[in-house]
């Protein structure tokens, strides 16, 4: 991941700022997420029952795909010089557009929608995010994600 000045980072407003590597969402990862969140709905963990649904197989939890945004952002969004930590501030919008079937690969595309310095010690960035499913024309999810970094 690259490192850039705050001025250079802010210069990317309105532009695509990064694309992550591909992440594999296999059944093992889906099962682990189901255990951690206690969401064991059959469409996620029971291949036999899921095969009878319109999906034809198990699908990743929408929240699993959403939770991968952190790893995807670390992988692709440049760091700002002087930032000591960052936090999720929230989302203005999230849509789960297309289910991610087990054994799919996904990656995220990030566009810097805005970057505001509200205090000298912090910056709030809004990213338009689209998570691509390899081989699928429709995204898994689209979101407007807000993060805050501290200097």
C-alpha atoms as a PDB file:
ATOM      1  CA  UNK A   1       0.000   0.000   0.000  1.00  0.00           C
ATOM      2  CA  UNK A   2       1.333   3.417  -0.921  1.00  0.00           C
ATOM      3  CA  UNK A   3       1.814   6.405   1.331  1.00  0.00           C
ATOM      4  CA  UNK A   4       0.833   9.926   0.222  1.00  0.00           C
ATOM      5  CA  UNK A   5       0.569  13.425   1.603  1.00  0.00           C
ATOM      6  CA  UNK A   6      -2.770  14.758   2.768  1.00  0.00           C
ATOM      7  CA  UNK A   7      -2.728  17.267  -0.096  1.00  0.00           C
ATOM      8  CA  UNK A   8      -2.134  14.533  -2.685  1.00  0.00           C
ATOM      9  CA  UNK A   9      -4.817  12.339  -1.111  1.00  0.00           C
ATOM     10  CA  UNK A  10      -7.387  15.159  -1.204  1.00  0.00           C
ATOM     11  CA  UNK A  11      -6.453  15.709  -4.848  1.00  0.00           C
ATOM     12  CA  UNK A  12      -8.091  12.355  -5.627  1.00  0.00           C
ATOM     13  CA  UNK A  13     -11.618  13.461  -4.671  1.00  0.00           C
ATOM     14  CA  UNK A  14     -13.974  12.306  -7.394  1.00  0.00           C
ATOM     15  CA  UNK A  15     -11.483   9.719  -8.652  1.00  0.00           C
ATOM     16  CA  UNK A  16     -11.028   5.997  -8.259  1.00  0.00           C
ATOM     17  CA  UNK A  17      -8.386   5.672  -5.557  1.00  0.00           C
ATOM     18  CA  UNK A  18      -7.889   1.918  -5.362  1.00  0.00           C
ATOM     19  CA  UNK A  19      -8.877  -1.612  -6.258  1.00  0.00           C
ATOM     20  CA  UNK A  20      -8.185  -4.460  -3.864  1.00  0.00           C
ATOM     21  CA  UNK A  21      -6.805  -7.869  -4.697  1.00  0.00           C
ATOM     22  CA  UNK A  22      -9.255 -10.740  -5.084  1.00  0.00           C
ATOM     23  CA  UNK A  23     -10.540 -12.403  -1.891  1.00  0.00           C
ATOM     24  CA  UNK A  24     -11.836 -15.982  -1.943  1.00  0.00           C
ATOM     25  CA  UNK A  25     -15.137 -16.527  -0.112  1.00  0.00           C
ATOM     26  CA  UNK A  26     -15.160 -20.285   0.237  1.00  0.00           C
ATOM     27  CA  UNK A  27     -17.472 -22.398   2.366  1.00  0.00           C
ATOM     28  CA  UNK A  28     -14.937 -22.604   5.178  1.00  0.00           C
ATOM     29  CA  UNK A  29     -14.860 -18.798   5.506  1.00  0.00           C
ATOM     30  CA  UNK A  30     -18.668 -18.645   5.313  1.00  0.00           C
ATOM     31  CA  UNK A  31     -18.984 -21.299   8.031  1.00  0.00           C
ATOM     32  CA  UNK A  32     -16.537 -19.461  10.297  1.00  0.00           C
ATOM     33  CA  UNK A  33     -18.507 -16.235   9.848  1.00  0.00           C
ATOM     34  CA  UNK A  34     -21.733 -18.118  10.626  1.00  0.00           C
ATOM     35  CA  UNK A  35     -20.187 -19.411  13.854  1.00  0.00           C
ATOM     36  CA  UNK A  36     -18.883 -16.010  14.941  1.00  0.00           C
ATOM     37  CA  UNK A  37     -22.154 -14.195  14.229  1.00  0.00           C
ATOM     38  CA  UNK A  38     -24.450 -17.096  15.135  1.00  0.00           C
ATOM     39  CA  UNK A  39     -26.218 -16.630  11.793  1.00  0.00           C
ATOM     40  CA  UNK A  40     -26.510 -20.218  10.615  1.00  0.00           C
ATOM     41  CA  UNK A  41     -29.391 -19.777   8.191  1.00  0.00           C
ATOM     42  CA  UNK A  42     -29.428 -22.771   5.830  1.00  0.00           C
ATOM     43  CA  UNK A  43     -28.698 -20.689   2.719  1.00  0.00           C
ATOM     44  CA  UNK A  44     -25.257 -20.057   4.188  1.00  0.00           C
ATOM     45  CA  UNK A  45     -24.303 -23.391   5.756  1.00  0.00           C
ATOM     46  CA  UNK A  46     -26.396 -26.267   4.361  1.00  0.00           C
ATOM     47  CA  UNK A  47     -25.337 -27.138   0.811  1.00  0.00           C
ATOM     48  CA  UNK A  48     -28.134 -29.690   0.323  1.00  0.00           C
ATOM     49  CA  UNK A  49     -30.959 -27.327   1.281  1.00  0.00           C
ATOM     50  CA  UNK A  50     -29.316 -24.369  -0.446  1.00  0.00           C
ATOM     51  CA  UNK A  51     -29.128 -26.352  -3.691  1.00  0.00           C
ATOM     52  CA  UNK A  52     -32.938 -26.211  -3.812  1.00  0.00           C
ATOM     53  CA  UNK A  53     -33.036 -22.393  -3.684  1.00  0.00           C
ATOM     54  CA  UNK A  54     -32.808 -20.038  -6.671  1.00  0.00           C
ATOM     55  CA  UNK A  55     -29.110 -19.620  -5.793  1.00  0.00           C
ATOM     56  CA  UNK A  56     -28.385 -23.315  -6.372  1.00  0.00           C
ATOM     57  CA  UNK A  57     -25.719 -23.387  -3.675  1.00  0.00           C
ATOM     58  CA  UNK A  58     -24.773 -21.724  -0.412  1.00  0.00           C
ATOM     59  CA  UNK A  59     -24.184 -17.986  -0.397  1.00  0.00           C
ATOM     60  CA  UNK A  60     -21.984 -15.734   1.717  1.00  0.00           C
ATOM     61  CA  UNK A  61     -23.682 -13.577   4.304  1.00  0.00           C
ATOM     62  CA  UNK A  62     -24.147 -10.026   3.067  1.00  0.00           C
ATOM     63  CA  UNK A  63     -22.505  -8.903   6.292  1.00  0.00           C
ATOM     64  CA  UNK A  64     -19.497 -11.150   5.551  1.00  0.00           C
ATOM     65  CA  UNK A  65     -19.036  -9.399   2.221  1.00  0.00           C
ATOM     66  CA  UNK A  66     -19.480  -6.037   3.961  1.00  0.00           C
ATOM     67  CA  UNK A  67     -16.985  -6.953   6.679  1.00  0.00           C
ATOM     68  CA  UNK A  68     -14.357  -7.681   4.031  1.00  0.00           C
ATOM     69  CA  UNK A  69     -14.277  -3.957   3.177  1.00  0.00           C
ATOM     70  CA  UNK A  70     -11.724  -3.356   5.923  1.00  0.00           C
ATOM     71  CA  UNK A  71      -9.249  -5.859   4.484  1.00  0.00           C
ATOM     72  CA  UNK A  72      -9.999  -4.639   0.979  1.00  0.00           C
ATOM     73  CA  UNK A  73      -9.342  -1.030   1.980  1.00  0.00           C
ATOM     74  CA  UNK A  74      -6.056  -1.877   3.736  1.00  0.00           C
ATOM     75  CA  UNK A  75      -5.076  -3.630   0.534  1.00  0.00           C
ATOM     76  CA  UNK A  76      -5.825  -0.773  -1.845  1.00  0.00           C
ATOM     77  CA  UNK A  77      -6.394   2.699  -0.371  1.00  0.00           C
ATOM     78  CA  UNK A  78      -3.190   4.736   0.057  1.00  0.00           C
ATOM     79  CA  UNK A  79      -2.264   5.696   3.591  1.00  0.00           C
ATOM     80  CA  UNK A  80      -2.016   9.370   4.474  1.00  0.00           C
ATOM     81  CA  UNK A  81       1.292  10.528   5.927  1.00  0.00           C
ATOM     82  CA  UNK A  82       0.967  11.342   9.614  1.00  0.00           C
ATOM     83  CA  UNK A  83      -2.213   9.353  10.250  1.00  0.00           C
ATOM     84  CA  UNK A  84      -1.861   7.334  13.451  1.00  0.00           C
ATOM     85  CA  UNK A  85      -5.169   5.439  13.381  1.00  0.00           C
ATOM     86  CA  UNK A  86      -8.502   5.209  11.652  1.00  0.00           C
ATOM     87  CA  UNK A  87     -12.025   4.137  12.557  1.00  0.00           C
ATOM     88  CA  UNK A  88     -15.199   3.250  10.737  1.00  0.00           C
ATOM     89  CA  UNK A  89     -17.557   6.190  11.096  1.00  0.00           C
ATOM     90  CA  UNK A  90     -20.494   4.557   9.354  1.00  0.00           C
ATOM     91  CA  UNK A  91     -22.355   4.278   6.089  1.00  0.00           C
ATOM     92  CA  UNK A  92     -24.729   6.601   4.327  1.00  0.00           C
ATOM     93  CA  UNK A  93     -25.952   3.776   2.121  1.00  0.00           C
ATOM     94  CA  UNK A  94     -25.448   0.029   1.697  1.00  0.00           C
ATOM     95  CA  UNK A  95     -27.128  -2.198  -0.865  1.00  0.00           C
ATOM     96  CA  UNK A  96     -26.599  -5.933  -1.252  1.00  0.00           C
ATOM     97  CA  UNK A  97     -27.137  -6.172  -5.000  1.00  0.00           C
ATOM     98  CA  UNK A  98     -26.128  -9.734  -5.923  1.00  0.00           C
ATOM     99  CA  UNK A  99     -25.636 -12.788  -3.680  1.00  0.00           C
ATOM    100  CA  UNK A 100     -22.072 -14.093  -3.495  1.00  0.00           C
ATOM    101  CA  UNK A 101     -22.142 -17.843  -4.022  1.00  0.00           C
ATOM    102  CA  UNK A 102     -19.686 -20.036  -2.138  1.00  0.00           C
ATOM    103  CA  UNK A 103     -16.285 -20.362  -3.815  1.00  0.00           C
ATOM    104  CA  UNK A 104     -16.539 -16.923  -5.437  1.00  0.00           C
ATOM    105  CA  UNK A 105     -13.790 -14.355  -5.602  1.00  0.00           C
ATOM    106  CA  UNK A 106     -14.582 -10.729  -4.774  1.00  0.00           C
ATOM    107  CA  UNK A 107     -12.684  -7.454  -4.831  1.00  0.00           C
ATOM    108  CA  UNK A 108     -13.543  -3.846  -4.054  1.00  0.00           C
ATOM    109  CA  UNK A 109     -13.234  -0.668  -6.085  1.00  0.00           C
ATOM    110  CA  UNK A 110     -12.939   2.552  -4.075  1.00  0.00           C
ATOM    111  CA  UNK A 111     -13.675   6.079  -5.291  1.00  0.00           C
ATOM    112  CA  UNK A 112     -12.888   8.974  -2.950  1.00  0.00           C
ATOM    113  CA  UNK A 113     -16.185  10.887  -2.904  1.00  0.00           C
ATOM    114  CA  UNK A 114     -15.119  13.518  -0.361  1.00  0.00           C
ATOM    115  CA  UNK A 115     -12.347  14.313   2.085  1.00  0.00           C
ATOM    116  CA  UNK A 116     -12.930  16.882   4.823  1.00  0.00           C
ATOM    117  CA  UNK A 117     -10.625  18.125   7.544  1.00  0.00           C
ATOM    118  CA  UNK A 118     -13.021  19.134  10.301  1.00  0.00           C
ATOM    119  CA  UNK A 119     -10.361  19.520  12.977  1.00  0.00           C
ATOM    120  CA  UNK A 120      -6.593  19.795  12.522  1.00  0.00           C
ATOM    121  CA  UNK A 121      -6.212  16.379  14.146  1.00  0.00           C
ATOM    122  CA  UNK A 122      -8.751  14.437  12.034  1.00  0.00           C
ATOM    123  CA  UNK A 123      -9.995  13.868   8.521  1.00  0.00           C
ATOM    124  CA  UNK A 124     -13.300  12.359   7.403  1.00  0.00           C
ATOM    125  CA  UNK A 125     -13.325  10.520   4.088  1.00  0.00           C
ATOM    126  CA  UNK A 126     -16.321   9.200   2.187  1.00  0.00           C
ATOM    127  CA  UNK A 127     -15.759   6.392  -0.287  1.00  0.00           C
ATOM    128  CA  UNK A 128     -18.088   5.091  -2.947  1.00  0.00           C
ATOM    129  CA  UNK A 129     -17.451   1.355  -2.878  1.00  0.00           C
ATOM    130  CA  UNK A 130     -18.459  -1.381  -5.273  1.00  0.00           C
ATOM    131  CA  UNK A 131     -17.618  -5.022  -4.544  1.00  0.00           C
ATOM    132  CA  UNK A 132     -17.151  -6.971  -7.748  1.00  0.00           C
ATOM    133  CA  UNK A 133     -17.818 -10.706  -8.055  1.00  0.00           C
ATOM    134  CA  UNK A 134     -15.399 -12.305 -10.493  1.00  0.00           C
ATOM    135  CA  UNK A 135     -17.260 -13.305 -13.662  1.00  0.00           C
ATOM    136  CA  UNK A 136     -20.457 -11.448 -12.737  1.00  0.00           C
ATOM    137  CA  UNK A 137     -21.685  -8.250 -14.376  1.00  0.00           C
ATOM    138  CA  UNK A 138     -23.520  -7.083 -11.248  1.00  0.00           C
ATOM    139  CA  UNK A 139     -21.743  -6.100  -8.018  1.00  0.00           C
ATOM    140  CA  UNK A 140     -22.174  -7.957  -4.753  1.00  0.00           C
ATOM    141  CA  UNK A 141     -22.701  -4.684  -2.928  1.00  0.00           C
ATOM    142  CA  UNK A 142     -22.471  -0.954  -3.338  1.00  0.00           C
ATOM    143  CA  UNK A 143     -21.995   1.400  -0.429  1.00  0.00           C
ATOM    144  CA  UNK A 144     -21.129   4.899   0.651  1.00  0.00           C
ATOM    145  CA  UNK A 145     -18.648   4.306   3.447  1.00  0.00           C
ATOM    146  CA  UNK A 146     -17.428   6.950   5.895  1.00  0.00           C
ATOM    147  CA  UNK A 147     -14.084   6.621   7.646  1.00  0.00           C
ATOM    148  CA  UNK A 148     -12.266   8.934   9.997  1.00  0.00           C
ATOM    149  CA  UNK A 149      -8.515   9.107  10.425  1.00  0.00           C
ATOM    150  CA  UNK A 150      -6.589  10.800  13.201  1.00  0.00           C
ATOM    151  CA  UNK A 151      -3.236  12.574  13.014  1.00  0.00           C
END
